[in-house]
PDB file of all heavy atoms in Angstrom:
ATOM      1  N   ARG A   1       0.834  -1.197   0.000  1.00  0.00           N
ATOM      2  CA  ARG A   1       0.000   0.000   0.000  1.00  0.00           C
ATOM      3  C   ARG A   1       0.872   1.252   0.000  1.00  0.00           C
ATOM      4  O   ARG A   1       1.993   1.253   0.504  1.00  0.00           O
ATOM      5  CB  ARG A   1      -0.908   0.009   1.236  1.00  0.00           C
ATOM      6  CG  ARG A   1      -1.882  -1.162   1.280  1.00  0.00           C
ATOM      7  CD  ARG A   1      -2.963  -1.033   0.229  1.00  0.00           C
ATOM      8  NE  ARG A   1      -3.764  -2.251   0.119  1.00  0.00           N
ATOM      9  CZ  ARG A   1      -4.871  -2.358  -0.602  1.00  0.00           C
ATOM     10  NH1 ARG A   1      -5.312  -1.313  -1.286  1.00  0.00           N
ATOM     11  NH2 ARG A   1      -5.520  -3.499  -0.673  1.00  0.00           N
ATOM     12  N   SER A   2       0.313   2.326  -0.531  1.00  0.00           N
ATOM     13  CA  SER A   2       1.074   3.572  -0.632  1.00  0.00           C
ATOM     14  C   SER A   2       1.289   4.181   0.743  1.00  0.00           C
ATOM     15  O   SER A   2       0.466   4.004   1.661  1.00  0.00           O
ATOM     16  CB  SER A   2       0.332   4.567  -1.518  1.00  0.00           C
ATOM     17  OG  SER A   2      -0.828   5.041  -0.865  1.00  0.00           O
ATOM     18  N   PRO A   3       2.371   4.913   0.925  1.00  0.00           N
ATOM     19  CA  PRO A   3       2.616   5.595   2.214  1.00  0.00           C
ATOM     20  C   PRO A   3       1.470   6.523   2.603  1.00  0.00           C
ATOM     21  O   PRO A   3       1.158   6.653   3.786  1.00  0.00           O
ATOM     22  CB  PRO A   3       3.905   6.373   1.959  1.00  0.00           C
ATOM     23  CG  PRO A   3       4.602   5.614   0.877  1.00  0.00           C
ATOM     24  CD  PRO A   3       3.505   5.080  -0.004  1.00  0.00           C
ATOM     25  N   LYS A   4       0.825   7.139   1.627  1.00  0.00           N
ATOM     26  CA  LYS A   4      -0.268   8.056   1.937  1.00  0.00           C
ATOM     27  C   LYS A   4      -1.439   7.315   2.580  1.00  0.00           C
ATOM     28  O   LYS A   4      -2.032   7.791   3.559  1.00  0.00           O
ATOM     29  CB  LYS A   4      -0.734   8.770   0.672  1.00  0.00           C
ATOM     30  CG  LYS A   4      -1.809   9.832   0.946  1.00  0.00           C
ATOM     31  CD  LYS A   4      -2.214  10.562  -0.326  1.00  0.00           C
ATOM     32  CE  LYS A   4      -3.279  11.604  -0.027  1.00  0.00           C
ATOM     33  NZ  LYS A   4      -3.741  12.310  -1.241  1.00  0.00           N
ATOM     34  N   VAL A   5      -1.766   6.146   2.026  1.00  0.00           N
ATOM     35  CA  VAL A   5      -2.856   5.357   2.609  1.00  0.00           C
ATOM     36  C   VAL A   5      -2.493   4.919   4.016  1.00  0.00           C
ATOM     37  O   VAL A   5      -3.288   5.052   4.956  1.00  0.00           O
ATOM     38  CB  VAL A   5      -3.168   4.124   1.723  1.00  0.00           C
ATOM     39  CG1 VAL A   5      -4.075   3.137   2.465  1.00  0.00           C
ATOM     40  CG2 VAL A   5      -3.828   4.564   0.420  1.00  0.00           C
ATOM     41  N   LEU A   6      -1.296   4.399   4.199  1.00  0.00           N
ATOM     42  CA  LEU A   6      -0.875   3.915   5.509  1.00  0.00           C
ATOM     43  C   LEU A   6      -0.815   5.046   6.530  1.00  0.00           C
ATOM     44  O   LEU A   6      -1.142   4.846   7.705  1.00  0.00           O
ATOM     45  CB  LEU A   6       0.477   3.209   5.401  1.00  0.00           C
ATOM     46  CG  LEU A   6       0.502   1.958   4.503  1.00  0.00           C
ATOM     47  CD1 LEU A   6       1.895   1.349   4.486  1.00  0.00           C
ATOM     48  CD2 LEU A   6      -0.519   0.939   4.975  1.00  0.00           C
ATOM     49  N   ASP A   7      -0.411   6.233   6.094  1.00  0.00           N
ATOM     50  CA  ASP A   7      -0.347   7.378   7.012  1.00  0.00           C
ATOM     51  C   ASP A   7      -1.733   7.813   7.488  1.00  0.00           C
ATOM     52  O   ASP A   7      -1.856   8.428   8.548  1.00  0.00           O
ATOM     53  CB  ASP A   7       0.353   8.560   6.331  1.00  0.00           C
ATOM     54  CG  ASP A   7       1.861   8.360   6.201  1.00  0.00           C
ATOM     55  OD1 ASP A   7       2.391   7.451   6.870  1.00  0.00           O
ATOM     56  OD2 ASP A   7       2.486   9.091   5.411  1.00  0.00           O
ATOM     57  N   GLY A   8      -2.755   7.496   6.694  1.00  0.00           N
ATOM     58  CA  GLY A   8      -4.110   7.900   7.064  1.00  0.00           C
ATOM     59  C   GLY A   8      -4.823   6.926   7.984  1.00  0.00           C
ATOM     60  O   GLY A   8      -5.949   7.195   8.415  1.00  0.00           O
ATOM     61  N   ILE A   9      -4.168   5.795   8.280  1.00  0.00           N
ATOM     62  CA  ILE A   9      -4.805   4.758   9.110  1.00  0.00           C
ATOM     63  C   ILE A   9      -4.391   4.913  10.566  1.00  0.00           C
ATOM     64  O   ILE A   9      -3.206   5.013  10.880  1.00  0.00           O
ATOM     65  CB  ILE A   9      -4.428   3.350   8.602  1.00  0.00           C
ATOM     66  CG1 ILE A   9      -4.931   3.152   7.163  1.00  0.00           C
ATOM     67  CG2 ILE A   9      -5.021   2.273   9.519  1.00  0.00           C
ATOM     68  CD1 ILE A   9      -4.461   1.857   6.535  1.00  0.00           C
ATOM     69  N   TYR A  10      -5.371   4.918  11.451  1.00  0.00           N
ATOM     70  CA  TYR A  10      -5.131   4.926  12.896  1.00  0.00           C
ATOM     71  C   TYR A  10      -5.460   3.516  13.387  1.00  0.00           C
ATOM     72  O   TYR A  10      -6.615   3.106  13.395  1.00  0.00           O
ATOM     73  CB  TYR A  10      -6.028   5.956  13.571  1.00  0.00           C
ATOM     74  CG  TYR A  10      -5.718   6.197  15.041  1.00  0.00           C
ATOM     75  CD1 TYR A  10      -5.219   7.426  15.463  1.00  0.00           C
ATOM     76  CD2 TYR A  10      -5.955   5.215  16.005  1.00  0.00           C
ATOM     77  CE1 TYR A  10      -4.947   7.664  16.809  1.00  0.00           C
ATOM     78  CE2 TYR A  10      -5.685   5.446  17.347  1.00  0.00           C
ATOM     79  CZ  TYR A  10      -5.185   6.659  17.745  1.00  0.00           C
ATOM     80  OH  TYR A  10      -4.915   6.890  19.070  1.00  0.00           O
ATOM     81  N   ARG A  11      -4.443   2.769  13.803  1.00  0.00           N
ATOM     82  CA  ARG A  11      -4.618   1.361  14.182  1.00  0.00           C
ATOM     83  C   ARG A  11      -4.674   1.187  15.697  1.00  0.00           C
ATOM     84  O   ARG A  11      -3.848   1.710  16.429  1.00  0.00           O
ATOM     85  CB  ARG A  11      -3.466   0.510  13.629  1.00  0.00           C
ATOM     86  CG  ARG A  11      -3.609   0.134  12.191  1.00  0.00           C
ATOM     87  CD  ARG A  11      -4.694  -0.924  11.963  1.00  0.00           C
ATOM     88  NE  ARG A  11      -4.284  -2.240  12.443  1.00  0.00           N
ATOM     89  CZ  ARG A  11      -4.881  -2.900  13.436  1.00  0.00           C
ATOM     90  NH1 ARG A  11      -5.900  -2.367  14.089  1.00  0.00           N
ATOM     91  NH2 ARG A  11      -4.464  -4.099  13.809  1.00  0.00           N
ATOM     92  N   VAL A  12      -5.668   0.426  16.116  1.00  0.00           N
ATOM     93  CA  VAL A  12      -5.796   0.023  17.518  1.00  0.00           C
ATOM     94  C   VAL A  12      -6.100  -1.475  17.520  1.00  0.00           C
ATOM     95  O   VAL A  12      -7.051  -1.915  16.870  1.00  0.00           O
ATOM     96  CB  VAL A  12      -6.933   0.781  18.240  1.00  0.00           C
ATOM     97  CG1 VAL A  12      -7.036   0.321  19.691  1.00  0.00           C
ATOM     98  CG2 VAL A  12      -6.713   2.281  18.160  1.00  0.00           C
ATOM     99  N   ASN A  13      -5.309  -2.247  18.246  1.00  0.00           N
ATOM    100  CA  ASN A  13      -5.534  -3.698  18.275  1.00  0.00           C
ATOM    101  C   ASN A  13      -6.782  -4.071  19.066  1.00  0.00           C
ATOM    102  O   ASN A  13      -7.509  -4.991  18.688  1.00  0.00           O
ATOM    103  CB  ASN A  13      -4.326  -4.418  18.863  1.00  0.00           C
ATOM    104  CG  ASN A  13      -3.230  -4.626  17.848  1.00  0.00           C
ATOM    105  OD1 ASN A  13      -3.489  -4.734  16.650  1.00  0.00           O
ATOM    106  ND2 ASN A  13      -1.996  -4.652  18.303  1.00  0.00           N
ATOM    107  N   ARG A  14      -7.012  -3.371  20.174  1.00  0.00           N
ATOM    108  CA  ARG A  14      -8.142  -3.759  21.015  1.00  0.00           C
ATOM    109  C   ARG A  14      -8.588  -2.595  21.882  1.00  0.00           C
ATOM    110  O   ARG A  14      -7.768  -1.850  22.398  1.00  0.00           O
ATOM    111  CB  ARG A  14      -7.749  -4.932  21.919  1.00  0.00           C
ATOM    112  CG  ARG A  14      -8.883  -5.499  22.752  1.00  0.00           C
ATOM    113  CD  ARG A  14      -8.414  -6.640  23.646  1.00  0.00           C
ATOM    114  NE  ARG A  14      -9.505  -7.210  24.391  1.00  0.00           N
ATOM    115  CZ  ARG A  14      -9.999  -6.706  25.524  1.00  0.00           C
ATOM    116  NH1 ARG A  14      -9.460  -5.616  26.036  1.00  0.00           N
ATOM    117  NH2 ARG A  14     -11.010  -7.289  26.140  1.00  0.00           N
ATOM    118  N   ILE A  15      -9.906  -2.474  22.023  1.00  0.00           N
ATOM    119  CA  ILE A  15     -10.504  -1.550  22.976  1.00  0.00           C
ATOM    120  C   ILE A  15     -11.591  -2.325  23.710  1.00  0.00           C
ATOM    121  O   ILE A  15     -12.369  -3.058  23.089  1.00  0.00           O
ATOM    122  CB  ILE A  15     -11.097  -0.312  22.276  1.00  0.00           C
ATOM    123  CG1 ILE A  15      -9.984   0.630  21.815  1.00  0.00           C
ATOM    124  CG2 ILE A  15     -12.049   0.440  23.201  1.00  0.00           C
ATOM    125  CD1 ILE A  15     -10.469   1.910  21.185  1.00  0.00           C
ATOM    126  N   ASP A  16     -11.665  -2.195  25.022  1.00  0.00           N
ATOM    127  CA  ASP A  16     -12.721  -2.864  25.775  1.00  0.00           C
ATOM    128  C   ASP A  16     -14.070  -2.486  25.194  1.00  0.00           C
ATOM    129  O   ASP A  16     -14.342  -1.314  24.900  1.00  0.00           O
ATOM    130  CB  ASP A  16     -12.661  -2.469  27.251  1.00  0.00           C
ATOM    131  CG  ASP A  16     -11.482  -3.100  27.970  1.00  0.00           C
ATOM    132  OD1 ASP A  16     -10.906  -4.060  27.420  1.00  0.00           O
ATOM    133  OD2 ASP A  16     -11.129  -2.627  29.067  1.00  0.00           O
ATOM    134  N   ASN A  17     -14.935  -3.494  25.061  1.00  0.00           N
ATOM    135  CA  ASN A  17     -16.199  -3.290  24.364  1.00  0.00           C
ATOM    136  C   ASN A  17     -17.016  -2.103  24.866  1.00  0.00           C
ATOM    137  O   ASN A  17     -17.495  -1.293  24.056  1.00  0.00           O
ATOM    138  CB  ASN A  17     -17.016  -4.583  24.430  1.00  0.00           C
ATOM    139  CG  ASN A  17     -18.193  -4.576  23.490  1.00  0.00           C
ATOM    140  OD1 ASN A  17     -19.330  -4.646  23.920  1.00  0.00           O
ATOM    141  ND2 ASN A  17     -17.940  -4.476  22.197  1.00  0.00           N
ATOM    142  N   PRO A  18     -17.209  -1.902  26.184  1.00  0.00           N
ATOM    143  CA  PRO A  18     -18.003  -0.744  26.628  1.00  0.00           C
ATOM    144  C   PRO A  18     -17.417   0.602  26.223  1.00  0.00           C
ATOM    145  O   PRO A  18     -18.143   1.594  26.110  1.00  0.00           O
ATOM    146  CB  PRO A  18     -18.016  -0.901  28.155  1.00  0.00           C
ATOM    147  CG  PRO A  18     -17.808  -2.360  28.392  1.00  0.00           C
ATOM    148  CD  PRO A  18     -16.867  -2.795  27.307  1.00  0.00           C
ATOM    149  N   GLN A  19     -16.092   0.643  25.978  1.00  0.00           N
ATOM    150  CA  GLN A  19     -15.447   1.898  25.568  1.00  0.00           C
ATOM    151  C   GLN A  19     -15.880   2.345  24.169  1.00  0.00           C
ATOM    152  O   GLN A  19     -15.757   3.521  23.813  1.00  0.00           O
ATOM    153  CB  GLN A  19     -13.925   1.733  25.600  1.00  0.00           C
ATOM    154  CG  GLN A  19     -13.332   1.446  26.964  1.00  0.00           C
ATOM    155  CD  GLN A  19     -13.189   2.693  27.814  1.00  0.00           C
ATOM    156  OE1 GLN A  19     -12.730   3.729  27.338  1.00  0.00           O
ATOM    157  NE2 GLN A  19     -13.581   2.604  29.079  1.00  0.00           N
ATOM    158  N   LEU A  20     -16.394   1.411  23.389  1.00  0.00           N
ATOM    159  CA  LEU A  20     -16.770   1.740  22.015  1.00  0.00           C
ATOM    160  C   LEU A  20     -17.924   2.740  21.947  1.00  0.00           C
ATOM    161  O   LEU A  20     -18.135   3.370  20.913  1.00  0.00           O
ATOM    162  CB  LEU A  20     -17.134   0.465  21.251  1.00  0.00           C
ATOM    163  CG  LEU A  20     -15.961  -0.480  20.948  1.00  0.00           C
ATOM    164  CD1 LEU A  20     -16.477  -1.795  20.369  1.00  0.00           C
ATOM    165  CD2 LEU A  20     -14.980   0.172  19.979  1.00  0.00           C
ATOM    166  N   LYS A  21     -18.660   2.891  23.046  1.00  0.00           N
ATOM    167  CA  LYS A  21     -19.753   3.874  23.057  1.00  0.00           C
ATOM    168  C   LYS A  21     -19.242   5.286  22.822  1.00  0.00           C
ATOM    169  O   LYS A  21     -19.985   6.158  22.362  1.00  0.00           O
ATOM    170  CB  LYS A  21     -20.511   3.806  24.387  1.00  0.00           C
ATOM    171  CG  LYS A  21     -19.707   4.233  25.586  1.00  0.00           C
ATOM    172  CD  LYS A  21     -20.468   3.971  26.891  1.00  0.00           C
ATOM    173  CE  LYS A  21     -21.192   5.184  27.367  1.00  0.00           C
ATOM    174  NZ  LYS A  21     -21.842   4.979  28.689  1.00  0.00           N
ATOM    175  N   TYR A  22     -17.958   5.511  23.093  1.00  0.00           N
ATOM    176  CA  TYR A  22     -17.367   6.828  22.885  1.00  0.00           C
ATOM    177  C   TYR A  22     -16.769   6.979  21.481  1.00  0.00           C
ATOM    178  O   TYR A  22     -16.469   8.102  21.057  1.00  0.00           O
ATOM    179  CB  TYR A  22     -16.265   7.074  23.918  1.00  0.00           C
ATOM    180  CG  TYR A  22     -16.726   6.967  25.352  1.00  0.00           C
ATOM    181  CD1 TYR A  22     -16.244   5.966  26.180  1.00  0.00           C
ATOM    182  CD2 TYR A  22     -17.664   7.860  25.862  1.00  0.00           C
ATOM    183  CE1 TYR A  22     -16.670   5.854  27.507  1.00  0.00           C
ATOM    184  CE2 TYR A  22     -18.103   7.759  27.184  1.00  0.00           C
ATOM    185  CZ  TYR A  22     -17.599   6.747  27.998  1.00  0.00           C
ATOM    186  OH  TYR A  22     -18.031   6.643  29.297  1.00  0.00           O
ATOM    187  N   ILE A  23     -16.603   5.862  20.785  1.00  0.00           N
ATOM    188  CA  ILE A  23     -15.904   5.873  19.490  1.00  0.00           C
ATOM    189  C   ILE A  23     -16.876   5.919  18.311  1.00  0.00           C
ATOM    190  O   ILE A  23     -16.718   6.728  17.392  1.00  0.00           O
ATOM    191  CB  ILE A  23     -14.988   4.639  19.371  1.00  0.00           C
ATOM    192  CG1 ILE A  23     -14.001   4.582  20.548  1.00  0.00           C
ATOM    193  CG2 ILE A  23     -14.255   4.639  18.043  1.00  0.00           C
ATOM    194  CD1 ILE A  23     -13.164   5.823  20.727  1.00  0.00           C
ATOM    195  N   TYR A  24     -17.890   5.045  18.334  1.00  0.00           N
ATOM    196  CA  TYR A  24     -18.823   4.990  17.202  1.00  0.00           C
ATOM    197  C   TYR A  24     -19.420   6.348  16.833  1.00  0.00           C
ATOM    198  O   TYR A  24     -19.498   6.692  15.644  1.00  0.00           O
ATOM    199  CB  TYR A  24     -19.956   4.002  17.500  1.00  0.00           C
ATOM    200  CG  TYR A  24     -19.621   2.544  17.310  1.00  0.00           C
ATOM    201  CD1 TYR A  24     -19.469   1.703  18.398  1.00  0.00           C
ATOM    202  CD2 TYR A  24     -19.485   1.994  16.036  1.00  0.00           C
ATOM    203  CE1 TYR A  24     -19.182   0.351  18.243  1.00  0.00           C
ATOM    204  CE2 TYR A  24     -19.203   0.657  15.864  1.00  0.00           C
ATOM    205  CZ  TYR A  24     -19.044  -0.169  16.968  1.00  0.00           C
ATOM    206  OH  TYR A  24     -18.760  -1.498  16.800  1.00  0.00           O
ATOM    207  N   PRO A  25     -19.875   7.173  17.787  1.00  0.00           N
ATOM    208  CA  PRO A  25     -20.536   8.428  17.404  1.00  0.00           C
ATOM    209  C   PRO A  25     -19.627   9.422  16.692  1.00  0.00           C
ATOM    210  O   PRO A  25     -20.122  10.365  16.055  1.00  0.00           O
ATOM    211  CB  PRO A  25     -20.998   9.011  18.752  1.00  0.00           C
ATOM    212  CG  PRO A  25     -21.006   7.869  19.699  1.00  0.00           C
ATOM    213  CD  PRO A  25     -19.915   6.971  19.242  1.00  0.00           C
ATOM    214  N   LEU A  26     -18.311   9.222  16.775  1.00  0.00           N
ATOM    215  CA  LEU A  26     -17.376  10.152  16.153  1.00  0.00           C
ATOM    216  C   LEU A  26     -17.042   9.783  14.710  1.00  0.00           C
ATOM    217  O   LEU A  26     -16.313  10.508  14.041  1.00  0.00           O
ATOM    218  CB  LEU A  26     -16.083  10.209  16.986  1.00  0.00           C
ATOM    219  CG  LEU A  26     -16.256  10.686  18.432  1.00  0.00           C
ATOM    220  CD1 LEU A  26     -14.932  10.609  19.185  1.00  0.00           C
ATOM    221  CD2 LEU A  26     -16.808  12.113  18.465  1.00  0.00           C
ATOM    222  N   ALA A  27     -17.578   8.665  14.226  1.00  0.00           N
ATOM    223  CA  ALA A  27     -17.276   8.205  12.866  1.00  0.00           C
ATOM    224  C   ALA A  27     -18.293   8.759  11.868  1.00  0.00           C
ATOM    225  O   ALA A  27     -19.497   8.795  12.138  1.00  0.00           O
ATOM    226  CB  ALA A  27     -17.288   6.682  12.817  1.00  0.00           C
ATOM    227  N   LYS A  28     -17.810   9.175  10.724  1.00  0.00           N
ATOM    228  CA  LYS A  28     -18.702   9.611   9.647  1.00  0.00           C
ATOM    229  C   LYS A  28     -19.458   8.433   9.055  1.00  0.00           C
ATOM    230  O   LYS A  28     -20.591   8.584   8.571  1.00  0.00           O
ATOM    231  CB  LYS A  28     -17.900  10.314   8.548  1.00  0.00           C
ATOM    232  CG  LYS A  28     -17.298  11.639   8.969  1.00  0.00           C
ATOM    233  CD  LYS A  28     -18.374  12.641   9.325  1.00  0.00           C
ATOM    234  CE  LYS A  28     -17.778  13.993   9.713  1.00  0.00           C
ATOM    235  NZ  LYS A  28     -18.840  14.942  10.134  1.00  0.00           N
ATOM    236  N   ALA A  29     -18.838   7.254   9.093  1.00  0.00           N
ATOM    237  CA  ALA A  29     -19.481   6.037   8.604  1.00  0.00           C
ATOM    238  C   ALA A  29     -18.768   4.835   9.209  1.00  0.00           C
ATOM    239  O   ALA A  29     -17.564   4.890   9.484  1.00  0.00           O
ATOM    240  CB  ALA A  29     -19.447   5.950   7.084  1.00  0.00           C
ATOM    241  N   PHE A  30     -19.532   3.762   9.426  1.00  0.00           N
ATOM    242  CA  PHE A  30     -18.968   2.488   9.855  1.00  0.00           C
ATOM    243  C   PHE A  30     -19.078   1.509   8.688  1.00  0.00           C
ATOM    244  O   PHE A  30     -20.148   1.346   8.103  1.00  0.00           O
ATOM    245  CB  PHE A  30     -19.720   1.937  11.068  1.00  0.00           C
ATOM    246  CG  PHE A  30     -19.299   0.539  11.433  1.00  0.00           C
ATOM    247  CD1 PHE A  30     -18.135   0.328  12.146  1.00  0.00           C
ATOM    248  CD2 PHE A  30     -20.056  -0.550  11.042  1.00  0.00           C
ATOM    249  CE1 PHE A  30     -17.723  -0.959  12.465  1.00  0.00           C
ATOM    250  CE2 PHE A  30     -19.662  -1.835  11.363  1.00  0.00           C
ATOM    251  CZ  PHE A  30     -18.482  -2.042  12.077  1.00  0.00           C
ATOM    252  N   LEU A  31     -17.978   0.844   8.346  1.00  0.00           N
ATOM    253  CA  LEU A  31     -17.944  -0.054   7.198  1.00  0.00           C
ATOM    254  C   LEU A  31     -17.783  -1.498   7.639  1.00  0.00           C
ATOM    255  O   LEU A  31     -16.941  -1.809   8.490  1.00  0.00           O
ATOM    256  CB  LEU A  31     -16.786   0.307   6.256  1.00  0.00           C
ATOM    257  CG  LEU A  31     -16.994   1.488   5.299  1.00  0.00           C
ATOM    258  CD1 LEU A  31     -17.177   2.793   6.054  1.00  0.00           C
ATOM    259  CD2 LEU A  31     -15.810   1.606   4.334  1.00  0.00           C
ATOM    260  N   LEU A  32     -18.585  -2.385   7.046  1.00  0.00           N
ATOM    261  CA  LEU A  32     -18.476  -3.828   7.305  1.00  0.00           C
ATOM    262  C   LEU A  32     -18.561  -4.575   5.974  1.00  0.00           C
ATOM    263  O   LEU A  32     -19.651  -4.882   5.505  1.00  0.00           O
ATOM    264  CB  LEU A  32     -19.569  -4.309   8.253  1.00  0.00           C
ATOM    265  CG  LEU A  32     -19.440  -5.776   8.674  1.00  0.00           C
ATOM    266  CD1 LEU A  32     -18.237  -5.977   9.590  1.00  0.00           C
ATOM    267  CD2 LEU A  32     -20.705  -6.263   9.376  1.00  0.00           C
ATOM    268  N   PRO A  33     -17.407  -4.885   5.352  1.00  0.00           N
ATOM    269  CA  PRO A  33     -17.418  -5.497   4.021  1.00  0.00           C
ATOM    270  C   PRO A  33     -17.234  -7.022   4.040  1.00  0.00           C
ATOM    271  O   PRO A  33     -16.702  -7.584   3.095  1.00  0.00           O
ATOM    272  CB  PRO A  33     -16.212  -4.836   3.361  1.00  0.00           C
ATOM    273  CG  PRO A  33     -15.224  -4.745   4.489  1.00  0.00           C
ATOM    274  CD  PRO A  33     -16.031  -4.502   5.743  1.00  0.00           C
ATOM    275  N   SER A  34     -17.670  -7.693   5.101  1.00  0.00           N
ATOM    276  CA  SER A  34     -17.425  -9.133   5.241  1.00  0.00           C
ATOM    277  C   SER A  34     -17.980  -9.910   4.053  1.00  0.00           C
ATOM    278  O   SER A  34     -19.090  -9.645   3.569  1.00  0.00           O
ATOM    279  CB  SER A  34     -18.074  -9.659   6.519  1.00  0.00           C
ATOM    280  OG  SER A  34     -17.587  -8.998   7.659  1.00  0.00           O
ATOM    281  N   LYS A  35     -17.200 -10.906   3.617  1.00  0.00           N
ATOM    282  CA  LYS A  35     -17.686 -11.811   2.574  1.00  0.00           C
ATOM    283  C   LYS A  35     -18.805 -12.686   3.123  1.00  0.00           C
ATOM    284  O   LYS A  35     -19.774 -12.991   2.422  1.00  0.00           O
ATOM    285  CB  LYS A  35     -16.538 -12.671   2.067  1.00  0.00           C
ATOM    286  CG  LYS A  35     -15.410 -11.890   1.414  1.00  0.00           C
ATOM    287  CD  LYS A  35     -14.256 -12.802   1.054  1.00  0.00           C
ATOM    288  CE  LYS A  35     -13.087 -12.019   0.478  1.00  0.00           C
ATOM    289  NZ  LYS A  35     -11.915 -12.900   0.192  1.00  0.00           N
ATOM    290  N   LEU A  36     -18.642 -13.138   4.369  1.00  0.00           N
ATOM    291  CA  LEU A  36     -19.649 -13.921   5.073  1.00  0.00           C
ATOM    292  C   LEU A  36     -19.690 -13.417   6.512  1.00  0.00           C
ATOM    293  O   LEU A  36     -18.659 -13.197   7.125  1.00  0.00           O
ATOM    294  CB  LEU A  36     -19.313 -15.417   5.053  1.00  0.00           C
ATOM    295  CG  LEU A  36     -19.322 -16.113   3.691  1.00  0.00           C
ATOM    296  CD1 LEU A  36     -18.694 -17.488   3.793  1.00  0.00           C
ATOM    297  CD2 LEU A  36     -20.739 -16.210   3.138  1.00  0.00           C
ATOM    298  N   GLU A  37     -20.882 -13.240   7.031  1.00  0.00           N
ATOM    299  CA  GLU A  37     -21.034 -12.759   8.404  1.00  0.00           C
ATOM    300  C   GLU A  37     -22.327 -13.343   8.947  1.00  0.00           C
ATOM    301  O   GLU A  37     -23.414 -13.033   8.452  1.00  0.00           O
ATOM    302  CB  GLU A  37     -21.093 -11.226   8.423  1.00  0.00           C
ATOM    303  CG  GLU A  37     -21.027 -10.621   9.795  1.00  0.00           C
ATOM    304  CD  GLU A  37     -19.614 -10.632  10.375  1.00  0.00           C
ATOM    305  OE1 GLU A  37     -18.695 -10.096   9.723  1.00  0.00           O
ATOM    306  OE2 GLU A  37     -19.454 -11.176  11.482  1.00  0.00           O
ATOM    307  N   ILE A  38     -22.229 -14.213   9.968  1.00  0.00           N
ATOM    308  CA  ILE A  38     -23.422 -14.862  10.511  1.00  0.00           C
ATOM    309  C   ILE A  38     -24.449 -13.817  10.920  1.00  0.00           C
ATOM    310  O   ILE A  38     -25.623 -13.929  10.594  1.00  0.00           O
ATOM    311  CB  ILE A  38     -23.045 -15.779  11.687  1.00  0.00           C
ATOM    312  CG1 ILE A  38     -22.291 -17.012  11.148  1.00  0.00           C
ATOM    313  CG2 ILE A  38     -24.289 -16.217  12.453  1.00  0.00           C
ATOM    314  CD1 ILE A  38     -21.772 -17.937  12.223  1.00  0.00           C
ATOM    315  N   PHE A  39     -24.041 -12.807  11.649  1.00  0.00           N
ATOM    316  CA  PHE A  39     -24.914 -11.670  11.928  1.00  0.00           C
ATOM    317  C   PHE A  39     -24.120 -10.372  11.950  1.00  0.00           C
ATOM    318  O   PHE A  39     -24.425  -9.444  11.210  1.00  0.00           O
ATOM    319  CB  PHE A  39     -25.673 -11.849  13.257  1.00  0.00           C
ATOM    320  CG  PHE A  39     -26.875 -10.948  13.338  1.00  0.00           C
ATOM    321  CD1 PHE A  39     -28.095 -11.366  12.833  1.00  0.00           C
ATOM    322  CD2 PHE A  39     -26.790  -9.677  13.879  1.00  0.00           C
ATOM    323  CE1 PHE A  39     -29.205 -10.531  12.876  1.00  0.00           C
ATOM    324  CE2 PHE A  39     -27.885  -8.837  13.928  1.00  0.00           C
ATOM    325  CZ  PHE A  39     -29.099  -9.268  13.421  1.00  0.00           C
ATOM    326  N   GLY A  40     -23.114 -10.310  12.777  1.00  0.00           N
ATOM    327  CA  GLY A  40     -22.332  -9.084  12.878  1.00  0.00           C
ATOM    328  C   GLY A  40     -22.809  -8.223  14.028  1.00  0.00           C
ATOM    329  O   GLY A  40     -23.588  -7.284  13.839  1.00  0.00           O
TER     330      GLY A  40
END
């Protein structure tokens, strides 16, 4: 991948699930491109 793409990514390996209540509302969009997903 290009350096520009990689520079734009903020990576976090893990956040405790209840903490996500503070993260989701700050996103312009949430993406889920799974090929197969039982529910999600």
